[in-house]
């Protein structure tokens, strides 16, 4: 598939795909006219890269992690890195959940107040 099709299917910009190639996170073949062509599996790879970025990982960390996804081979150092990142993300989720719960409480109180109820009702 061509770069525009991959961008559309993966929900990213063409510029992002070029950046991923620049960072060696994504590979393409070139047609004789120089156009990039990607394997169908690139859609899932790009989505995973996006998830890792959204979770706060750097390009360098993503580059370290991606090979083990395909090979299944994980060094002890990489396992430690994966565990650290997973724990960081779990903590982030807990913090976000606590914030959501507090906002839910504010929303509930605001709705009750708007409906003429008191907080004690």
N, C-alpha and C. Protein backbone atom coordinates (compact mmCIF):
# COMPACT_ATOMS: atom_id res chain seq x y z
N UNK A 1 0.84 -1.17 0.00
CA UNK A 1 0.00 0.00 0.00
C UNK A 1 0.89 1.23 0.00
N UNK A 2 0.38 2.29 -0.55
CA UNK A 2 1.14 3.54 -0.63
C UNK A 2 1.00 4.36 0.65
N UNK A 3 1.81 5.36 0.78
CA UNK A 3 1.90 6.12 2.02
C UNK A 3 0.58 6.79 2.40
N UNK A 4 -0.13 7.33 1.44
CA UNK A 4 -1.41 7.98 1.73
C UNK A 4 -2.44 7.00 2.25
N UNK A 5 -2.47 5.80 1.67
CA UNK A 5 -3.40 4.77 2.11
C UNK A 5 -3.07 4.31 3.53
N UNK A 6 -1.78 4.12 3.80
CA UNK A 6 -1.36 3.73 5.15
C UNK A 6 -1.73 4.81 6.15
N UNK A 7 -1.46 6.05 5.80
CA UNK A 7 -1.80 7.16 6.70
C UNK A 7 -3.30 7.15 7.01
N UNK A 8 -4.11 6.97 6.00
CA UNK A 8 -5.55 6.96 6.17
C UNK A 8 -6.00 5.78 7.04
N UNK A 9 -5.52 4.60 6.76
CA UNK A 9 -5.93 3.41 7.51
C UNK A 9 -5.44 3.43 8.95
N UNK A 10 -4.26 3.99 9.17
CA UNK A 10 -3.69 4.01 10.52
C UNK A 10 -4.12 5.24 11.31
N UNK A 11 -4.71 6.22 10.63
CA UNK A 11 -5.17 7.41 11.32
C UNK A 11 -4.06 8.37 11.71
N UNK A 12 -3.03 8.44 10.88
CA UNK A 12 -1.92 9.36 11.14
C UNK A 12 -1.66 10.18 9.88
N UNK A 13 -0.81 11.16 10.00
CA UNK A 13 -0.46 11.98 8.84
C UNK A 13 0.67 11.32 8.05
N UNK A 14 0.77 11.71 6.79
CA UNK A 14 1.87 11.26 5.95
C UNK A 14 3.19 11.72 6.57
N UNK A 15 3.17 12.90 7.11
CA UNK A 15 4.38 13.44 7.75
C UNK A 15 4.84 12.55 8.91
N UNK A 16 3.86 12.05 9.69
CA UNK A 16 4.20 11.15 10.81
C UNK A 16 4.87 9.89 10.29
N UNK A 17 4.36 9.34 9.20
CA UNK A 17 4.95 8.12 8.63
C UNK A 17 6.37 8.38 8.17
N UNK A 18 6.60 9.50 7.55
CA UNK A 18 7.97 9.84 7.13
C UNK A 18 8.89 9.97 8.34
N UNK A 19 8.37 10.56 9.42
CA UNK A 19 9.14 10.68 10.65
C UNK A 19 9.46 9.29 11.22
N UNK A 20 8.48 8.39 11.22
CA UNK A 20 8.71 7.04 11.73
C UNK A 20 9.80 6.34 10.92
N UNK A 21 9.82 6.56 9.63
CA UNK A 21 10.89 5.97 8.81
C UNK A 21 12.23 6.59 9.16
N UNK A 22 12.23 7.89 9.33
CA UNK A 22 13.45 8.60 9.70
C UNK A 22 14.02 8.07 11.01
N UNK A 23 13.13 7.72 11.95
CA UNK A 23 13.53 7.19 13.26
C UNK A 23 13.78 5.68 13.24
N UNK A 24 13.63 5.07 12.07
CA UNK A 24 13.82 3.62 11.86
C UNK A 24 12.76 2.78 12.58
N UNK A 25 11.58 3.36 12.79
CA UNK A 25 10.48 2.65 13.42
C UNK A 25 9.61 1.93 12.39
N UNK A 26 9.74 2.33 11.13
CA UNK A 26 8.91 1.82 10.06
C UNK A 26 9.75 1.71 8.80
N UNK A 27 9.49 0.67 8.02
CA UNK A 27 10.24 0.47 6.78
C UNK A 27 9.28 0.41 5.60
N UNK A 28 9.79 0.84 4.45
CA UNK A 28 9.02 0.75 3.22
C UNK A 28 9.94 0.30 2.10
N UNK A 29 9.31 -0.20 1.07
CA UNK A 29 10.02 -0.49 -0.17
C UNK A 29 9.81 0.73 -1.06
N UNK A 30 10.62 0.85 -2.08
CA UNK A 30 10.46 1.96 -3.03
C UNK A 30 10.15 1.40 -4.41
N UNK A 31 9.19 2.04 -5.07
CA UNK A 31 8.89 1.67 -6.45
C UNK A 31 9.99 2.24 -7.34
N UNK A 32 10.07 1.83 -8.60
CA UNK A 32 11.08 2.41 -9.49
C UNK A 32 10.98 3.94 -9.59
N UNK A 33 9.77 4.47 -9.38
CA UNK A 33 9.63 5.93 -9.43
C UNK A 33 9.89 6.59 -8.07
N UNK A 34 10.27 5.78 -7.06
CA UNK A 34 10.65 6.33 -5.76
C UNK A 34 9.53 6.45 -4.75
N UNK A 35 8.32 5.98 -5.09
CA UNK A 35 7.22 6.06 -4.15
C UNK A 35 7.35 4.97 -3.08
N UNK A 36 6.95 5.32 -1.87
CA UNK A 36 6.99 4.37 -0.77
C UNK A 36 5.83 3.38 -0.89
N UNK A 37 6.14 2.11 -0.61
CA UNK A 37 5.13 1.06 -0.59
C UNK A 37 5.32 0.29 0.71
N UNK A 38 4.21 0.08 1.43
CA UNK A 38 4.24 -0.58 2.73
C UNK A 38 3.49 -1.90 2.69
N UNK A 39 3.93 -2.81 3.52
CA UNK A 39 3.24 -4.08 3.72
C UNK A 39 1.95 -3.81 4.49
N UNK A 40 0.96 -4.65 4.34
CA UNK A 40 -0.32 -4.50 5.06
C UNK A 40 -0.12 -4.49 6.58
N UNK A 41 0.89 -5.20 7.06
CA UNK A 41 1.13 -5.26 8.50
C UNK A 41 1.57 -3.91 9.07
N UNK A 42 1.92 -2.98 8.20
CA UNK A 42 2.37 -1.66 8.67
C UNK A 42 1.26 -0.91 9.39
N UNK A 43 0.00 -1.17 9.04
CA UNK A 43 -1.12 -0.49 9.70
C UNK A 43 -1.09 -0.78 11.20
N UNK A 44 -1.00 -2.03 11.55
CA UNK A 44 -0.98 -2.40 12.97
C UNK A 44 0.29 -1.89 13.65
N UNK A 45 1.40 -1.93 12.96
CA UNK A 45 2.66 -1.42 13.53
C UNK A 45 2.55 0.06 13.84
N UNK A 46 1.99 0.83 12.91
CA UNK A 46 1.84 2.27 13.12
C UNK A 46 0.89 2.54 14.28
N UNK A 47 -0.18 1.79 14.36
CA UNK A 47 -1.12 1.97 15.48
C UNK A 47 -0.44 1.67 16.82
N UNK A 48 0.40 0.64 16.85
CA UNK A 48 1.13 0.31 18.07
C UNK A 48 2.13 1.41 18.41
N UNK A 49 2.82 1.93 17.41
CA UNK A 49 3.75 3.05 17.64
C UNK A 49 2.98 4.22 18.24
N UNK A 50 1.81 4.52 17.69
CA UNK A 50 0.99 5.61 18.21
C UNK A 50 0.60 5.37 19.67
N UNK A 51 0.24 4.13 20.00
CA UNK A 51 -0.12 3.80 21.38
C UNK A 51 1.07 4.02 22.31
N UNK A 52 2.24 3.60 21.89
CA UNK A 52 3.43 3.76 22.72
C UNK A 52 3.76 5.24 22.92
N UNK A 53 3.65 6.02 21.84
CA UNK A 53 3.87 7.47 21.97
C UNK A 53 2.84 8.09 22.91
N UNK A 54 1.58 7.70 22.75
CA UNK A 54 0.52 8.26 23.60
C UNK A 54 0.74 7.91 25.06
N UNK A 55 1.40 6.78 25.32
CA UNK A 55 1.69 6.37 26.69
C UNK A 55 2.93 7.07 27.25
N UNK A 56 3.57 7.89 26.42
CA UNK A 56 4.69 8.68 26.90
C UNK A 56 6.07 8.12 26.59
N UNK A 57 6.17 7.10 25.76
CA UNK A 57 7.48 6.54 25.42
C UNK A 57 8.15 7.40 24.34
N UNK A 58 9.44 7.45 24.40
CA UNK A 58 10.22 8.20 23.41
C UNK A 58 10.45 7.35 22.17
N UNK A 59 10.91 8.00 21.10
CA UNK A 59 11.24 7.27 19.87
C UNK A 59 12.30 6.21 20.15
N UNK A 60 13.26 6.56 20.98
CA UNK A 60 14.33 5.61 21.31
C UNK A 60 13.77 4.38 22.02
N UNK A 61 12.87 4.59 22.96
CA UNK A 61 12.26 3.47 23.68
C UNK A 61 11.43 2.62 22.74
N UNK A 62 10.68 3.26 21.86
CA UNK A 62 9.86 2.53 20.90
C UNK A 62 10.75 1.68 19.99
N UNK A 63 11.85 2.27 19.56
CA UNK A 63 12.80 1.56 18.70
C UNK A 63 13.36 0.32 19.40
N UNK A 64 13.59 0.40 20.69
CA UNK A 64 14.09 -0.74 21.46
C UNK A 64 13.03 -1.82 21.62
N UNK A 65 11.79 -1.43 21.75
CA UNK A 65 10.69 -2.36 22.03
C UNK A 65 10.21 -3.09 20.78
N UNK A 66 10.12 -2.41 19.66
CA UNK A 66 9.51 -2.98 18.46
C UNK A 66 10.09 -4.32 18.00
N UNK A 67 11.40 -4.50 18.01
CA UNK A 67 11.91 -5.79 17.54
C UNK A 67 11.40 -6.99 18.33
N UNK A 68 11.24 -6.85 19.62
CA UNK A 68 10.79 -7.99 20.41
C UNK A 68 9.34 -8.34 20.12
N UNK A 69 8.57 -7.40 19.60
CA UNK A 69 7.19 -7.67 19.23
C UNK A 69 7.16 -8.68 18.09
N UNK A 70 8.11 -8.56 17.18
CA UNK A 70 8.12 -9.43 16.00
C UNK A 70 8.89 -10.73 16.23
N UNK A 71 9.95 -10.66 17.01
CA UNK A 71 10.77 -11.86 17.21
C UNK A 71 10.38 -12.66 18.44
N UNK A 72 9.79 -11.98 19.42
CA UNK A 72 9.48 -12.65 20.68
C UNK A 72 10.69 -12.78 21.59
N UNK A 73 11.85 -12.33 21.12
CA UNK A 73 13.09 -12.41 21.89
C UNK A 73 13.23 -11.15 22.75
N UNK A 74 13.38 -11.36 24.05
CA UNK A 74 13.53 -10.24 24.97
C UNK A 74 14.74 -10.49 25.85
N UNK A 75 15.66 -9.53 25.85
CA UNK A 75 16.83 -9.63 26.73
C UNK A 75 16.40 -9.27 28.16
N UNK A 76 17.18 -9.65 29.15
CA UNK A 76 16.85 -9.26 30.52
C UNK A 76 16.76 -7.73 30.68
N UNK A 77 17.63 -7.01 29.98
CA UNK A 77 17.60 -5.55 30.06
C UNK A 77 16.31 -4.99 29.48
N UNK A 78 15.90 -5.55 28.35
CA UNK A 78 14.66 -5.09 27.73
C UNK A 78 13.46 -5.47 28.58
N UNK A 79 13.49 -6.65 29.18
CA UNK A 79 12.39 -7.05 30.06
C UNK A 79 12.26 -6.07 31.22
N UNK A 80 13.38 -5.65 31.76
CA UNK A 80 13.35 -4.67 32.85
C UNK A 80 12.76 -3.35 32.35
N UNK A 81 13.14 -2.96 31.15
CA UNK A 81 12.61 -1.71 30.56
C UNK A 81 11.12 -1.82 30.34
N UNK A 82 10.67 -2.95 29.80
CA UNK A 82 9.24 -3.16 29.55
C UNK A 82 8.45 -3.13 30.86
N UNK A 83 9.00 -3.76 31.88
CA UNK A 83 8.34 -3.79 33.19
C UNK A 83 8.25 -2.38 33.78
N UNK A 84 9.33 -1.63 33.67
CA UNK A 84 9.34 -0.26 34.18
C UNK A 84 8.30 0.59 33.46
N UNK A 85 8.25 0.47 32.14
CA UNK A 85 7.27 1.25 31.36
C UNK A 85 5.85 0.83 31.71
N UNK A 86 5.63 -0.47 31.84
CA UNK A 86 4.30 -0.97 32.20
C UNK A 86 3.87 -0.43 33.56
N UNK A 87 4.78 -0.44 34.52
CA UNK A 87 4.48 0.06 35.86
C UNK A 87 4.20 1.56 35.83
N UNK A 88 4.96 2.30 35.03
CA UNK A 88 4.74 3.74 34.90
C UNK A 88 3.36 4.01 34.31
N UNK A 89 3.00 3.24 33.29
CA UNK A 89 1.69 3.41 32.66
C UNK A 89 0.57 3.04 33.63
N UNK A 90 0.76 1.97 34.40
CA UNK A 90 -0.24 1.56 35.39
C UNK A 90 -0.45 2.67 36.42
N UNK A 91 0.64 3.30 36.85
CA UNK A 91 0.53 4.41 37.80
C UNK A 91 -0.21 5.58 37.16
N UNK A 92 0.10 5.85 35.92
CA UNK A 92 -0.56 6.93 35.18
C UNK A 92 -2.07 6.65 35.08
N UNK A 93 -2.43 5.41 34.80
CA UNK A 93 -3.84 5.02 34.71
C UNK A 93 -4.53 5.23 36.05
N UNK A 94 -3.87 4.83 37.13
CA UNK A 94 -4.45 4.99 38.47
C UNK A 94 -4.68 6.47 38.77
N UNK A 95 -3.71 7.31 38.43
CA UNK A 95 -3.86 8.75 38.65
C UNK A 95 -5.00 9.32 37.82
N UNK A 96 -5.09 8.91 36.57
CA UNK A 96 -6.17 9.39 35.70
C UNK A 96 -7.53 8.90 36.20
N UNK A 97 -7.59 7.67 36.67
CA UNK A 97 -8.84 7.13 37.22
C UNK A 97 -9.28 7.92 38.45
N UNK A 98 -8.34 8.25 39.31
CA UNK A 98 -8.65 9.04 40.51
C UNK A 98 -9.17 10.42 40.11
N UNK A 99 -8.55 11.02 39.11
CA UNK A 99 -9.01 12.33 38.63
C UNK A 99 -10.41 12.22 38.04
N UNK A 100 -10.65 11.18 37.26
CA UNK A 100 -11.99 10.96 36.70
C UNK A 100 -13.02 10.80 37.80
N UNK A 101 -12.69 10.03 38.83
CA UNK A 101 -13.62 9.81 39.94
C UNK A 101 -13.94 11.13 40.65
N UNK A 102 -12.95 11.97 40.83
CA UNK A 102 -13.19 13.28 41.47
C UNK A 102 -14.08 14.15 40.60
N UNK A 103 -13.83 14.12 39.30
CA UNK A 103 -14.67 14.89 38.38
C UNK A 103 -16.10 14.35 38.38
N UNK A 104 -16.25 13.03 38.45
CA UNK A 104 -17.59 12.44 38.54
C UNK A 104 -18.31 12.96 39.78
N UNK A 105 -17.59 13.06 40.88
CA UNK A 105 -18.19 13.58 42.11
C UNK A 105 -18.63 15.02 41.95
N UNK A 106 -17.81 15.83 41.30
CA UNK A 106 -18.17 17.23 41.07
C UNK A 106 -19.38 17.32 40.15
N UNK A 107 -19.38 16.50 39.11
CA UNK A 107 -20.52 16.49 38.18
C UNK A 107 -21.80 16.10 38.90
N UNK A 108 -21.73 15.06 39.71
CA UNK A 108 -22.90 14.61 40.45
C UNK A 108 -23.42 15.69 41.38
N UNK A 109 -22.52 16.35 42.08
CA UNK A 109 -22.90 17.42 43.00
C UNK A 109 -23.52 18.58 42.24
N UNK A 110 -22.93 18.92 41.11
CA UNK A 110 -23.42 20.03 40.30
C UNK A 110 -24.81 19.72 39.75
N UNK A 111 -25.04 18.49 39.31
CA UNK A 111 -26.35 18.09 38.80
C UNK A 111 -27.38 18.13 39.92
N UNK A 112 -27.01 17.61 41.09
CA UNK A 112 -27.92 17.62 42.23
C UNK A 112 -28.26 19.06 42.62
N UNK A 113 -27.27 19.94 42.64
CA UNK A 113 -27.48 21.34 43.01
C UNK A 113 -28.39 22.01 41.98
N UNK A 114 -28.13 21.72 40.71
CA UNK A 114 -28.94 22.31 39.64
C UNK A 114 -30.39 21.85 39.74
N UNK A 115 -30.60 20.62 40.15
CA UNK A 115 -31.95 20.06 40.28
C UNK A 115 -32.61 20.43 41.59
N UNK A 116 -32.00 21.33 42.36
CA UNK A 116 -32.60 21.81 43.60
C UNK A 116 -32.32 20.94 44.81
N UNK A 117 -31.43 19.99 44.65
CA UNK A 117 -31.09 19.13 45.79
C UNK A 117 -29.88 19.71 46.49
N UNK A 118 -29.69 19.33 47.71
CA UNK A 118 -28.49 19.73 48.42
C UNK A 118 -27.51 18.56 48.39
N UNK A 119 -26.29 18.81 48.74
CA UNK A 119 -25.29 17.75 48.78
C UNK A 119 -25.69 16.65 49.76
N UNK A 120 -26.45 17.00 50.80
CA UNK A 120 -26.86 16.03 51.81
C UNK A 120 -28.07 15.23 51.36
N UNK A 121 -28.73 15.60 50.28
CA UNK A 121 -29.95 14.90 49.83
C UNK A 121 -29.66 13.54 49.29
